[in-house]
Amino acid sequence: MLKSILLTALTLAIALVGGAGSVWLALDRDFGFGTVTIGNWTAFPDHGTPAADPYSRARFSREADLALGRAEGLVFTARRDSDGRPLLLECRYRIHGSLPPARFWTLYARDADHRVITVEGGRAPALHSLALLRGADNTVATTVSRHAAPGNWLAVAGSGPFSLVLTLYDTAITSSARIAEVELPGITREGCDG
C-alpha cells in the first residue's frame, strides 16, 4: 500500500516537473511553429494572426509584446552575429547591407530580459528609416556600440548578452512566399572592450 502511494507520488512529481519544465523551455526560447530564419535574423510571421500557435501566443502575452498582424508588418530578431557568436554589449558591431522595402522600419537593442536598452543623455533608443544615412546603392551601415561612432550609431549601455530587433512596417514581404527571397543586413563584430 505504502509502496503504491510512493510510486504514484513520484510519478506525479515527475509529470509536473517535466510538464512545467517543457512549457518554460518552449516559452523561453525563440523557436516555434512557422519560424522563418534569414541569416542570423529570426521572424515569426504568424504572430498576431489566428494561425499563431498557442506557445507563440503565450510567449507574447508573457513578454507583453504587441504582435503585428500580417498586413501591419514583420519583426526580425537577431541574437548572434554573422559568425554565430552571441551578441554582447561589451562589443562593437557593424550592421551592413540592404533592407527589404517597407514604408517604415525601426532598429533597437534589448537586453536579456527583453527590455529596450536606453542610454543616458537623452539619446533615442532606436534608429528608424526616416532619419538614417544611406549609401549610394541604398544600403545601410550602422554601428552598434557603447562608444560614439560616426554615421549611423545605435547607442547601447551595460554588459552581457543582448538582441537586435528590426521591425518592418507595411511591407510586401509578409506573405510566406516572399519571405524566402528577402535579404537582411549582416552583423559583423568589429571588436570588444577589455
N, C-alpha and C. Protein backbone atom coordinates (compact mmCIF):
# COMPACT_ATOMS: atom_id res chain seq x y z
N MET A 1 0.83 -1.19 0.00
CA MET A 1 0.00 0.00 0.00
C MET A 1 0.87 1.26 0.00
N LEU A 2 1.83 1.31 0.93
CA LEU A 2 2.71 2.47 1.01
C LEU A 2 3.56 2.59 -0.24
N LYS A 3 3.97 1.44 -0.78
CA LYS A 3 4.77 1.43 -2.00
C LYS A 3 3.98 2.03 -3.17
N SER A 4 2.70 1.70 -3.28
CA SER A 4 1.85 2.24 -4.35
C SER A 4 1.69 3.75 -4.22
N ILE A 5 1.52 4.22 -3.01
CA ILE A 5 1.36 5.66 -2.78
C ILE A 5 2.65 6.40 -3.15
N LEU A 6 3.79 5.84 -2.75
CA LEU A 6 5.07 6.47 -3.07
C LEU A 6 5.32 6.49 -4.58
N LEU A 7 5.02 5.40 -5.27
CA LEU A 7 5.20 5.35 -6.73
C LEU A 7 4.26 6.33 -7.43
N THR A 8 3.04 6.45 -6.95
CA THR A 8 2.09 7.40 -7.52
C THR A 8 2.56 8.83 -7.30
N ALA A 9 3.04 9.12 -6.10
CA ALA A 9 3.54 10.46 -5.80
C ALA A 9 4.77 10.78 -6.65
N LEU A 10 5.66 9.82 -6.82
CA LEU A 10 6.85 10.02 -7.65
C LEU A 10 6.46 10.25 -9.11
N THR A 11 5.51 9.49 -9.60
CA THR A 11 5.05 9.65 -10.98
C THR A 11 4.43 11.03 -11.18
N LEU A 12 3.62 11.47 -10.25
CA LEU A 12 3.01 12.81 -10.34
C LEU A 12 4.07 13.90 -10.28
N ALA A 13 5.06 13.74 -9.41
CA ALA A 13 6.12 14.75 -9.31
C ALA A 13 6.90 14.83 -10.62
N ILE A 14 7.25 13.70 -11.20
CA ILE A 14 7.98 13.69 -12.48
C ILE A 14 7.14 14.34 -13.57
N ALA A 15 5.84 14.02 -13.60
CA ALA A 15 4.95 14.59 -14.62
C ALA A 15 4.84 16.10 -14.46
N LEU A 16 4.68 16.58 -13.24
CA LEU A 16 4.55 18.02 -13.01
C LEU A 16 5.83 18.78 -13.34
N VAL A 17 6.96 18.26 -12.87
CA VAL A 17 8.24 18.92 -13.14
C VAL A 17 8.56 18.87 -14.63
N GLY A 18 8.36 17.72 -15.25
CA GLY A 18 8.62 17.59 -16.68
C GLY A 18 7.71 18.47 -17.52
N GLY A 19 6.43 18.52 -17.17
CA GLY A 19 5.48 19.37 -17.90
C GLY A 19 5.79 20.85 -17.74
N ALA A 20 6.02 21.28 -16.50
CA ALA A 20 6.33 22.69 -16.25
C ALA A 20 7.65 23.08 -16.91
N GLY A 21 8.63 22.16 -16.86
CA GLY A 21 9.92 22.44 -17.50
C GLY A 21 9.81 22.58 -19.00
N SER A 22 9.03 21.72 -19.63
CA SER A 22 8.88 21.80 -21.09
C SER A 22 8.13 23.07 -21.50
N VAL A 23 7.15 23.49 -20.74
CA VAL A 23 6.44 24.74 -21.04
C VAL A 23 7.39 25.92 -20.86
N TRP A 24 8.16 25.92 -19.79
CA TRP A 24 9.12 27.01 -19.58
C TRP A 24 10.10 27.08 -20.74
N LEU A 25 10.62 25.93 -21.17
CA LEU A 25 11.57 25.89 -22.28
C LEU A 25 10.93 26.41 -23.56
N ALA A 26 9.71 26.02 -23.84
CA ALA A 26 9.02 26.46 -25.06
C ALA A 26 8.77 27.96 -25.04
N LEU A 27 8.50 28.53 -23.88
CA LEU A 27 8.21 29.97 -23.79
C LEU A 27 9.47 30.82 -23.70
N ASP A 28 10.57 30.22 -23.26
CA ASP A 28 11.79 30.99 -23.06
C ASP A 28 12.68 31.03 -24.29
N ARG A 29 12.50 30.15 -25.22
CA ARG A 29 13.36 30.08 -26.40
C ARG A 29 12.65 30.65 -27.61
N ASP A 30 13.45 31.14 -28.56
CA ASP A 30 12.89 31.68 -29.79
C ASP A 30 12.75 30.61 -30.85
N PHE A 31 12.00 29.62 -30.56
CA PHE A 31 11.66 28.66 -31.60
C PHE A 31 10.15 28.51 -31.56
N GLY A 32 9.62 28.13 -32.62
CA GLY A 32 8.18 27.96 -32.67
C GLY A 32 7.77 27.44 -34.03
N PHE A 33 6.52 27.17 -34.14
CA PHE A 33 5.99 26.72 -35.40
C PHE A 33 5.91 27.92 -36.34
N GLY A 34 6.31 27.74 -37.57
CA GLY A 34 6.25 28.83 -38.53
C GLY A 34 7.38 29.82 -38.42
N THR A 35 8.48 29.46 -37.76
CA THR A 35 9.62 30.35 -37.64
C THR A 35 10.32 30.47 -38.99
N VAL A 36 10.71 31.71 -39.32
CA VAL A 36 11.46 31.96 -40.55
C VAL A 36 12.82 32.52 -40.14
N THR A 37 13.90 31.90 -40.62
CA THR A 37 15.24 32.37 -40.31
C THR A 37 15.93 32.78 -41.60
N ILE A 38 16.44 34.01 -41.60
CA ILE A 38 17.18 34.55 -42.74
C ILE A 38 18.52 35.03 -42.19
N GLY A 39 19.58 34.32 -42.52
CA GLY A 39 20.88 34.64 -41.94
C GLY A 39 20.83 34.45 -40.44
N ASN A 40 21.14 35.49 -39.70
CA ASN A 40 21.08 35.42 -38.25
C ASN A 40 19.82 36.10 -37.68
N TRP A 41 18.88 36.44 -38.54
CA TRP A 41 17.63 37.09 -38.15
C TRP A 41 16.51 36.05 -38.13
N THR A 42 15.65 36.13 -37.12
CA THR A 42 14.53 35.21 -36.98
C THR A 42 13.23 36.00 -36.89
N ALA A 43 12.19 35.51 -37.58
CA ALA A 43 10.88 36.14 -37.53
C ALA A 43 9.81 35.08 -37.32
N PHE A 44 8.68 35.52 -36.80
CA PHE A 44 7.51 34.67 -36.61
C PHE A 44 6.34 35.32 -37.35
N PRO A 45 6.22 35.06 -38.66
CA PRO A 45 5.20 35.76 -39.44
C PRO A 45 3.76 35.50 -39.02
N ASP A 46 3.49 34.39 -38.34
CA ASP A 46 2.12 34.10 -37.95
C ASP A 46 1.70 34.77 -36.64
N HIS A 47 2.63 35.38 -35.92
CA HIS A 47 2.25 36.07 -34.68
C HIS A 47 1.28 37.18 -35.03
N GLY A 48 0.29 37.33 -34.22
CA GLY A 48 -0.69 38.37 -34.45
C GLY A 48 -1.78 37.94 -35.43
N THR A 49 -1.75 36.68 -35.84
CA THR A 49 -2.78 36.16 -36.74
C THR A 49 -3.51 35.02 -36.06
N PRO A 50 -4.67 34.65 -36.57
CA PRO A 50 -5.37 33.49 -35.99
C PRO A 50 -4.59 32.19 -36.14
N ALA A 51 -3.60 32.15 -37.05
CA ALA A 51 -2.81 30.93 -37.26
C ALA A 51 -1.68 30.76 -36.26
N ALA A 52 -1.50 31.70 -35.35
CA ALA A 52 -0.40 31.62 -34.38
C ALA A 52 -0.60 30.42 -33.46
N ASP A 53 0.51 29.73 -33.17
CA ASP A 53 0.42 28.57 -32.29
C ASP A 53 0.26 29.01 -30.84
N PRO A 54 -0.25 28.16 -29.96
CA PRO A 54 -0.50 28.54 -28.56
C PRO A 54 0.76 28.98 -27.80
N TYR A 55 1.92 28.39 -28.12
CA TYR A 55 3.14 28.77 -27.44
C TYR A 55 3.56 30.19 -27.83
N SER A 56 3.38 30.54 -29.08
CA SER A 56 3.70 31.90 -29.53
C SER A 56 2.79 32.91 -28.83
N ARG A 57 1.53 32.59 -28.74
CA ARG A 57 0.59 33.50 -28.05
C ARG A 57 0.99 33.67 -26.58
N ALA A 58 1.33 32.57 -25.94
CA ALA A 58 1.72 32.64 -24.53
C ALA A 58 3.01 33.42 -24.35
N ARG A 59 3.98 33.23 -25.25
CA ARG A 59 5.25 33.95 -25.16
C ARG A 59 5.02 35.45 -25.30
N PHE A 60 4.21 35.85 -26.27
CA PHE A 60 3.95 37.26 -26.47
C PHE A 60 3.17 37.85 -25.30
N SER A 61 2.25 37.10 -24.73
CA SER A 61 1.50 37.58 -23.57
C SER A 61 2.42 37.77 -22.37
N ARG A 62 3.31 36.81 -22.16
CA ARG A 62 4.22 36.88 -21.02
C ARG A 62 5.18 38.05 -21.15
N GLU A 63 5.66 38.31 -22.38
CA GLU A 63 6.62 39.39 -22.60
C GLU A 63 5.95 40.74 -22.81
N ALA A 64 4.62 40.76 -22.84
CA ALA A 64 3.85 41.99 -23.04
C ALA A 64 4.20 42.67 -24.35
N ASP A 65 4.50 41.87 -25.37
CA ASP A 65 4.75 42.41 -26.71
C ASP A 65 3.44 42.61 -27.44
N LEU A 66 3.48 43.49 -28.40
CA LEU A 66 2.32 43.71 -29.25
C LEU A 66 2.63 43.05 -30.58
N ALA A 67 1.93 41.99 -30.88
CA ALA A 67 2.17 41.26 -32.11
C ALA A 67 1.55 42.00 -33.28
N LEU A 68 2.31 42.09 -34.38
CA LEU A 68 1.81 42.72 -35.59
C LEU A 68 1.11 41.67 -36.45
N GLY A 69 0.00 42.06 -37.05
CA GLY A 69 -0.67 41.18 -38.00
C GLY A 69 0.09 41.18 -39.31
N ARG A 70 -0.23 40.24 -40.19
CA ARG A 70 0.48 40.13 -41.47
C ARG A 70 0.42 41.41 -42.28
N ALA A 71 -0.69 42.10 -42.27
CA ALA A 71 -0.81 43.33 -43.06
C ALA A 71 -0.10 44.51 -42.41
N GLU A 72 0.27 44.39 -41.14
CA GLU A 72 0.88 45.51 -40.43
C GLU A 72 2.39 45.52 -40.51
N GLY A 73 3.02 44.36 -40.51
CA GLY A 73 4.47 44.33 -40.57
C GLY A 73 5.04 43.02 -40.09
N LEU A 74 6.36 43.03 -39.93
CA LEU A 74 7.08 41.82 -39.56
C LEU A 74 8.26 42.21 -38.66
N VAL A 75 8.48 41.43 -37.60
CA VAL A 75 9.54 41.70 -36.64
C VAL A 75 10.62 40.63 -36.77
N PHE A 76 11.87 41.06 -37.00
CA PHE A 76 13.01 40.15 -37.05
C PHE A 76 13.87 40.39 -35.82
N THR A 77 14.39 39.33 -35.23
CA THR A 77 15.25 39.43 -34.05
C THR A 77 16.56 38.69 -34.33
N ALA A 78 17.67 39.30 -33.90
CA ALA A 78 18.98 38.66 -34.03
C ALA A 78 19.63 38.60 -32.65
N ARG A 79 20.10 37.41 -32.28
CA ARG A 79 20.81 37.22 -31.01
C ARG A 79 22.26 36.85 -31.23
N ARG A 80 22.64 36.64 -32.50
CA ARG A 80 24.00 36.24 -32.83
C ARG A 80 24.49 37.06 -34.02
N ASP A 81 25.81 37.19 -34.11
CA ASP A 81 26.39 37.90 -35.25
C ASP A 81 26.47 36.96 -36.44
N SER A 82 27.02 37.44 -37.55
CA SER A 82 27.08 36.63 -38.77
C SER A 82 28.00 35.42 -38.64
N ASP A 83 28.90 35.42 -37.65
CA ASP A 83 29.77 34.28 -37.40
C ASP A 83 29.18 33.30 -36.39
N GLY A 84 27.97 33.57 -35.90
CA GLY A 84 27.31 32.67 -34.96
C GLY A 84 27.62 32.92 -33.51
N ARG A 85 28.38 33.99 -33.21
CA ARG A 85 28.70 34.30 -31.81
C ARG A 85 27.58 35.12 -31.19
N PRO A 86 27.28 34.93 -29.90
CA PRO A 86 26.24 35.72 -29.24
C PRO A 86 26.58 37.21 -29.26
N LEU A 87 25.56 38.05 -29.39
CA LEU A 87 25.76 39.50 -29.33
C LEU A 87 26.01 39.89 -27.88
N LEU A 88 27.07 40.66 -27.65
CA LEU A 88 27.45 41.11 -26.30
C LEU A 88 27.55 42.63 -26.28
N LEU A 89 27.04 43.23 -25.22
CA LEU A 89 27.07 44.69 -25.10
C LEU A 89 28.48 45.25 -25.00
N GLU A 90 29.45 44.43 -24.60
CA GLU A 90 30.84 44.89 -24.50
C GLU A 90 31.51 45.01 -25.87
N CYS A 91 30.85 44.53 -26.90
CA CYS A 91 31.46 44.51 -28.24
C CYS A 91 30.84 45.57 -29.16
N ARG A 92 31.57 45.85 -30.23
CA ARG A 92 31.14 46.82 -31.24
C ARG A 92 30.76 46.03 -32.49
N TYR A 93 29.58 46.34 -33.05
CA TYR A 93 29.07 45.62 -34.21
C TYR A 93 28.77 46.59 -35.35
N ARG A 94 28.90 46.07 -36.55
CA ARG A 94 28.54 46.82 -37.75
C ARG A 94 27.43 46.05 -38.46
N ILE A 95 26.30 46.72 -38.62
CA ILE A 95 25.17 46.15 -39.35
C ILE A 95 25.23 46.76 -40.74
N HIS A 96 25.35 45.92 -41.75
CA HIS A 96 25.56 46.44 -43.10
C HIS A 96 24.80 45.62 -44.12
N GLY A 97 24.24 46.29 -45.11
CA GLY A 97 23.54 45.60 -46.19
C GLY A 97 22.26 46.33 -46.55
N SER A 98 21.48 45.67 -47.35
CA SER A 98 20.23 46.27 -47.80
C SER A 98 19.08 45.77 -46.95
N LEU A 99 18.02 46.56 -46.96
CA LEU A 99 16.81 46.20 -46.22
C LEU A 99 15.67 46.01 -47.20
N PRO A 100 14.74 45.13 -46.89
CA PRO A 100 13.60 44.93 -47.78
C PRO A 100 12.75 46.20 -47.83
N PRO A 101 12.01 46.39 -48.91
CA PRO A 101 11.15 47.57 -48.99
C PRO A 101 10.08 47.55 -47.91
N ALA A 102 9.94 48.68 -47.25
CA ALA A 102 8.92 48.85 -46.21
C ALA A 102 8.60 50.34 -46.11
N ARG A 103 7.39 50.65 -45.73
CA ARG A 103 7.02 52.05 -45.58
C ARG A 103 7.83 52.71 -44.46
N PHE A 104 8.11 51.95 -43.41
CA PHE A 104 8.83 52.46 -42.25
C PHE A 104 9.46 51.28 -41.54
N TRP A 105 10.65 51.47 -40.94
CA TRP A 105 11.25 50.41 -40.14
C TRP A 105 12.00 51.01 -38.96
N THR A 106 12.17 50.20 -37.93
CA THR A 106 12.92 50.61 -36.74
C THR A 106 13.93 49.53 -36.39
N LEU A 107 14.99 49.95 -35.72
CA LEU A 107 16.02 49.04 -35.22
C LEU A 107 16.35 49.46 -33.81
N TYR A 108 16.25 48.53 -32.87
CA TYR A 108 16.62 48.84 -31.49
C TYR A 108 17.24 47.61 -30.85
N ALA A 109 17.87 47.82 -29.70
CA ALA A 109 18.51 46.74 -28.95
C ALA A 109 17.72 46.51 -27.67
N ARG A 110 17.67 45.24 -27.26
CA ARG A 110 17.02 44.94 -25.98
C ARG A 110 17.89 43.95 -25.21
N ASP A 111 17.81 44.03 -23.89
CA ASP A 111 18.66 43.20 -23.04
C ASP A 111 18.10 41.79 -22.90
N ALA A 112 18.74 40.99 -22.08
CA ALA A 112 18.34 39.59 -21.92
C ALA A 112 16.95 39.44 -21.32
N ASP A 113 16.46 40.48 -20.64
CA ASP A 113 15.11 40.46 -20.06
C ASP A 113 14.07 41.08 -20.98
N HIS A 114 14.44 41.30 -22.24
CA HIS A 114 13.55 41.83 -23.27
C HIS A 114 13.15 43.28 -23.04
N ARG A 115 13.96 44.04 -22.30
CA ARG A 115 13.71 45.47 -22.10
C ARG A 115 14.55 46.26 -23.10
N VAL A 116 13.97 47.33 -23.63
CA VAL A 116 14.70 48.19 -24.56
C VAL A 116 15.89 48.81 -23.82
N ILE A 117 17.06 48.77 -24.45
CA ILE A 117 18.26 49.33 -23.83
C ILE A 117 18.27 50.83 -24.08
N THR A 118 18.28 51.59 -23.01
CA THR A 118 18.34 53.04 -23.11
C THR A 118 19.68 53.53 -22.57
N VAL A 119 20.12 54.67 -23.07
CA VAL A 119 21.38 55.25 -22.62
C VAL A 119 21.10 56.62 -22.04
N GLU A 120 21.99 57.06 -21.16
CA GLU A 120 21.84 58.39 -20.56
C GLU A 120 22.14 59.46 -21.59
N GLY A 121 21.66 60.65 -21.34
CA GLY A 121 21.94 61.77 -22.22
C GLY A 121 20.83 62.04 -23.22
N GLY A 122 19.71 61.36 -23.10
CA GLY A 122 18.58 61.63 -23.96
C GLY A 122 18.70 61.09 -25.37
N ARG A 123 19.67 60.25 -25.63
CA ARG A 123 19.81 59.66 -26.97
C ARG A 123 18.65 58.70 -27.22
N ALA A 124 18.09 58.73 -28.43
CA ALA A 124 16.97 57.86 -28.79
C ALA A 124 17.41 56.40 -28.71
N PRO A 125 16.57 55.53 -28.16
CA PRO A 125 16.95 54.12 -28.03
C PRO A 125 16.80 53.32 -29.33
N ALA A 126 16.30 53.97 -30.38
CA ALA A 126 16.08 53.25 -31.64
C ALA A 126 16.46 54.11 -32.84
N LEU A 127 16.82 53.45 -33.91
CA LEU A 127 17.01 54.12 -35.19
C LEU A 127 15.78 53.84 -36.04
N HIS A 128 15.49 54.75 -36.96
CA HIS A 128 14.36 54.50 -37.85
C HIS A 128 14.69 54.96 -39.26
N SER A 129 13.92 54.49 -40.20
CA SER A 129 14.22 54.68 -41.61
C SER A 129 14.16 56.13 -42.08
N LEU A 130 13.47 56.99 -41.38
CA LEU A 130 13.34 58.37 -41.84
C LEU A 130 14.52 59.25 -41.43
N ALA A 131 15.35 58.78 -40.53
CA ALA A 131 16.48 59.59 -40.07
C ALA A 131 17.75 58.75 -40.11
N LEU A 132 18.12 58.29 -41.30
CA LEU A 132 19.26 57.40 -41.42
C LEU A 132 20.06 57.75 -42.66
N LEU A 133 21.36 57.70 -42.53
CA LEU A 133 22.23 57.90 -43.69
C LEU A 133 22.29 56.61 -44.49
N ARG A 134 22.19 56.73 -45.81
CA ARG A 134 22.24 55.57 -46.68
C ARG A 134 23.36 55.72 -47.69
N GLY A 135 23.86 54.59 -48.17
CA GLY A 135 24.88 54.60 -49.20
C GLY A 135 24.26 54.93 -50.56
N ALA A 136 25.13 55.17 -51.55
CA ALA A 136 24.65 55.50 -52.89
C ALA A 136 23.83 54.35 -53.48
N ASP A 137 24.10 53.13 -53.07
CA ASP A 137 23.35 51.97 -53.57
C ASP A 137 22.16 51.63 -52.66
N ASN A 138 21.77 52.56 -51.79
CA ASN A 138 20.64 52.44 -50.87
C ASN A 138 20.87 51.41 -49.77
N THR A 139 22.12 51.02 -49.53
CA THR A 139 22.42 50.12 -48.41
C THR A 139 22.56 50.92 -47.13
N VAL A 140 22.50 50.24 -46.02
CA VAL A 140 22.59 50.87 -44.71
C VAL A 140 23.80 50.30 -43.98
N ALA A 141 24.55 51.17 -43.33
CA ALA A 141 25.65 50.75 -42.46
C ALA A 141 25.47 51.43 -41.12
N THR A 142 25.34 50.65 -40.07
CA THR A 142 25.07 51.17 -38.74
C THR A 142 26.04 50.53 -37.75
N THR A 143 26.54 51.33 -36.82
CA THR A 143 27.39 50.82 -35.75
C THR A 143 26.57 50.68 -34.48
N VAL A 144 26.69 49.55 -33.82
CA VAL A 144 26.04 49.31 -32.52
C VAL A 144 27.17 49.20 -31.51
N SER A 145 27.22 50.18 -30.58
CA SER A 145 28.35 50.22 -29.65
C SER A 145 28.02 51.06 -28.44
N ARG A 146 28.79 50.84 -27.37
CA ARG A 146 28.68 51.70 -26.19
C ARG A 146 29.42 53.01 -26.40
N HIS A 147 30.28 53.07 -27.43
CA HIS A 147 31.08 54.26 -27.69
C HIS A 147 30.60 54.94 -28.97
N ALA A 148 30.61 56.26 -28.97
CA ALA A 148 30.12 57.03 -30.12
C ALA A 148 30.87 56.64 -31.40
N ALA A 149 30.14 56.66 -32.50
CA ALA A 149 30.71 56.31 -33.80
C ALA A 149 30.14 57.26 -34.86
N PRO A 150 30.93 57.57 -35.89
CA PRO A 150 30.41 58.45 -36.94
C PRO A 150 29.35 57.73 -37.78
N GLY A 151 28.51 58.48 -38.43
CA GLY A 151 27.46 57.90 -39.27
C GLY A 151 26.29 57.44 -38.43
N ASN A 152 25.68 56.36 -38.83
CA ASN A 152 24.55 55.79 -38.10
C ASN A 152 25.08 55.03 -36.89
N TRP A 153 24.62 55.44 -35.71
CA TRP A 153 25.10 54.83 -34.47
C TRP A 153 23.92 54.50 -33.58
N LEU A 154 23.80 53.23 -33.21
CA LEU A 154 22.82 52.80 -32.23
C LEU A 154 23.55 52.62 -30.91
N ALA A 155 23.28 53.52 -29.99
CA ALA A 155 23.97 53.50 -28.70
C ALA A 155 23.37 52.44 -27.78
N VAL A 156 24.24 51.70 -27.12
CA VAL A 156 23.83 50.72 -26.12
C VAL A 156 24.63 50.97 -24.85
N ALA A 157 24.20 50.38 -23.77
CA ALA A 157 24.89 50.54 -22.49
C ALA A 157 24.79 49.23 -21.72
N GLY A 158 25.71 49.05 -20.78
CA GLY A 158 25.67 47.87 -19.93
C GLY A 158 26.62 46.79 -20.40
N SER A 159 26.38 45.58 -19.93
CA SER A 159 27.20 44.44 -20.32
C SER A 159 26.33 43.20 -20.37
N GLY A 160 26.83 42.19 -21.04
CA GLY A 160 26.09 40.94 -21.16
C GLY A 160 25.45 40.78 -22.51
N PRO A 161 24.66 39.71 -22.68
CA PRO A 161 24.05 39.44 -23.98
C PRO A 161 22.90 40.41 -24.27
N PHE A 162 22.65 40.61 -25.55
CA PHE A 162 21.53 41.44 -25.98
C PHE A 162 21.05 40.94 -27.33
N SER A 163 19.96 41.50 -27.80
CA SER A 163 19.44 41.15 -29.11
C SER A 163 19.08 42.42 -29.87
N LEU A 164 19.10 42.32 -31.18
CA LEU A 164 18.70 43.42 -32.05
C LEU A 164 17.33 43.10 -32.61
N VAL A 165 16.47 44.09 -32.68
CA VAL A 165 15.11 43.91 -33.18
C VAL A 165 14.90 44.85 -34.35
N LEU A 166 14.62 44.29 -35.50
CA LEU A 166 14.34 45.05 -36.72
C LEU A 166 12.87 44.84 -37.07
N THR A 167 12.10 45.92 -37.05
CA THR A 167 10.67 45.84 -37.34
C THR A 167 10.39 46.55 -38.65
N LEU A 168 9.81 45.82 -39.58
CA LEU A 168 9.43 46.36 -40.88
C LEU A 168 7.92 46.58 -40.87
N TYR A 169 7.49 47.84 -41.03
CA TYR A 169 6.07 48.15 -41.03
C TYR A 169 5.57 48.31 -42.46
N ASP A 170 4.38 47.80 -42.70
CA ASP A 170 3.72 47.91 -44.00
C ASP A 170 4.66 47.48 -45.13
N THR A 171 5.04 46.21 -45.10
CA THR A 171 5.95 45.66 -46.08
C THR A 171 5.27 44.55 -46.88
N ALA A 172 5.69 44.41 -48.13
CA ALA A 172 5.09 43.40 -49.00
C ALA A 172 5.63 42.00 -48.75
N ILE A 173 6.65 41.86 -47.93
CA ILE A 173 7.27 40.54 -47.73
C ILE A 173 6.55 39.67 -46.72
N THR A 174 5.44 40.13 -46.19
CA THR A 174 4.77 39.37 -45.14
C THR A 174 4.13 38.09 -45.65
N SER A 175 3.95 37.96 -46.96
CA SER A 175 3.44 36.68 -47.45
C SER A 175 4.59 35.67 -47.40
N SER A 176 4.30 34.46 -46.97
CA SER A 176 5.36 33.47 -46.74
C SER A 176 6.14 33.15 -48.01
N ALA A 177 5.53 33.30 -49.17
CA ALA A 177 6.25 33.02 -50.42
C ALA A 177 7.35 34.04 -50.67
N ARG A 178 7.16 35.27 -50.23
CA ARG A 178 8.14 36.32 -50.48
C ARG A 178 9.21 36.39 -49.40
N ILE A 179 8.95 35.85 -48.23
CA ILE A 179 9.93 35.95 -47.14
C ILE A 179 11.22 35.23 -47.51
N ALA A 180 11.12 34.12 -48.20
CA ALA A 180 12.32 33.35 -48.55
C ALA A 180 13.24 34.11 -49.49
N GLU A 181 12.73 35.11 -50.20
CA GLU A 181 13.53 35.88 -51.15
C GLU A 181 14.24 37.08 -50.52
N VAL A 182 13.96 37.35 -49.27
CA VAL A 182 14.44 38.57 -48.60
C VAL A 182 15.92 38.46 -48.24
N GLU A 183 16.61 39.57 -48.37
CA GLU A 183 17.98 39.69 -47.86
C GLU A 183 17.96 40.69 -46.71
N LEU A 184 18.59 40.31 -45.61
CA LEU A 184 18.68 41.20 -44.46
C LEU A 184 20.14 41.52 -44.21
N PRO A 185 20.40 42.64 -43.54
CA PRO A 185 21.80 43.03 -43.31
C PRO A 185 22.56 42.05 -42.44
N GLY A 186 23.87 41.98 -42.67
CA GLY A 186 24.75 41.16 -41.86
C GLY A 186 25.17 41.90 -40.61
N ILE A 187 25.58 41.17 -39.59
CA ILE A 187 26.04 41.76 -38.33
C ILE A 187 27.46 41.27 -38.09
N THR A 188 28.42 42.19 -38.16
CA THR A 188 29.82 41.84 -38.04
C THR A 188 30.39 42.40 -36.73
N ARG A 189 31.04 41.54 -35.95
CA ARG A 189 31.72 42.02 -34.73
C ARG A 189 33.03 42.67 -35.13
N GLU A 190 33.24 43.91 -34.66
CA GLU A 190 34.46 44.65 -35.01
C GLU A 190 35.46 44.67 -33.87
N GLY A 191 35.07 44.27 -32.69
CA GLY A 191 35.99 44.27 -31.55
C GLY A 191 35.22 44.36 -30.26
N CYS A 192 35.91 44.13 -29.16
CA CYS A 192 35.28 44.15 -27.84
C CYS A 192 36.15 44.93 -26.86
N ASP A 193 35.51 45.49 -25.83
CA ASP A 193 36.23 46.20 -24.77
C ASP A 193 36.88 45.18 -23.85
N GLY A 194 38.08 45.52 -23.42
CA GLY A 194 38.77 44.71 -22.42
C GLY A 194 39.05 43.36 -22.89
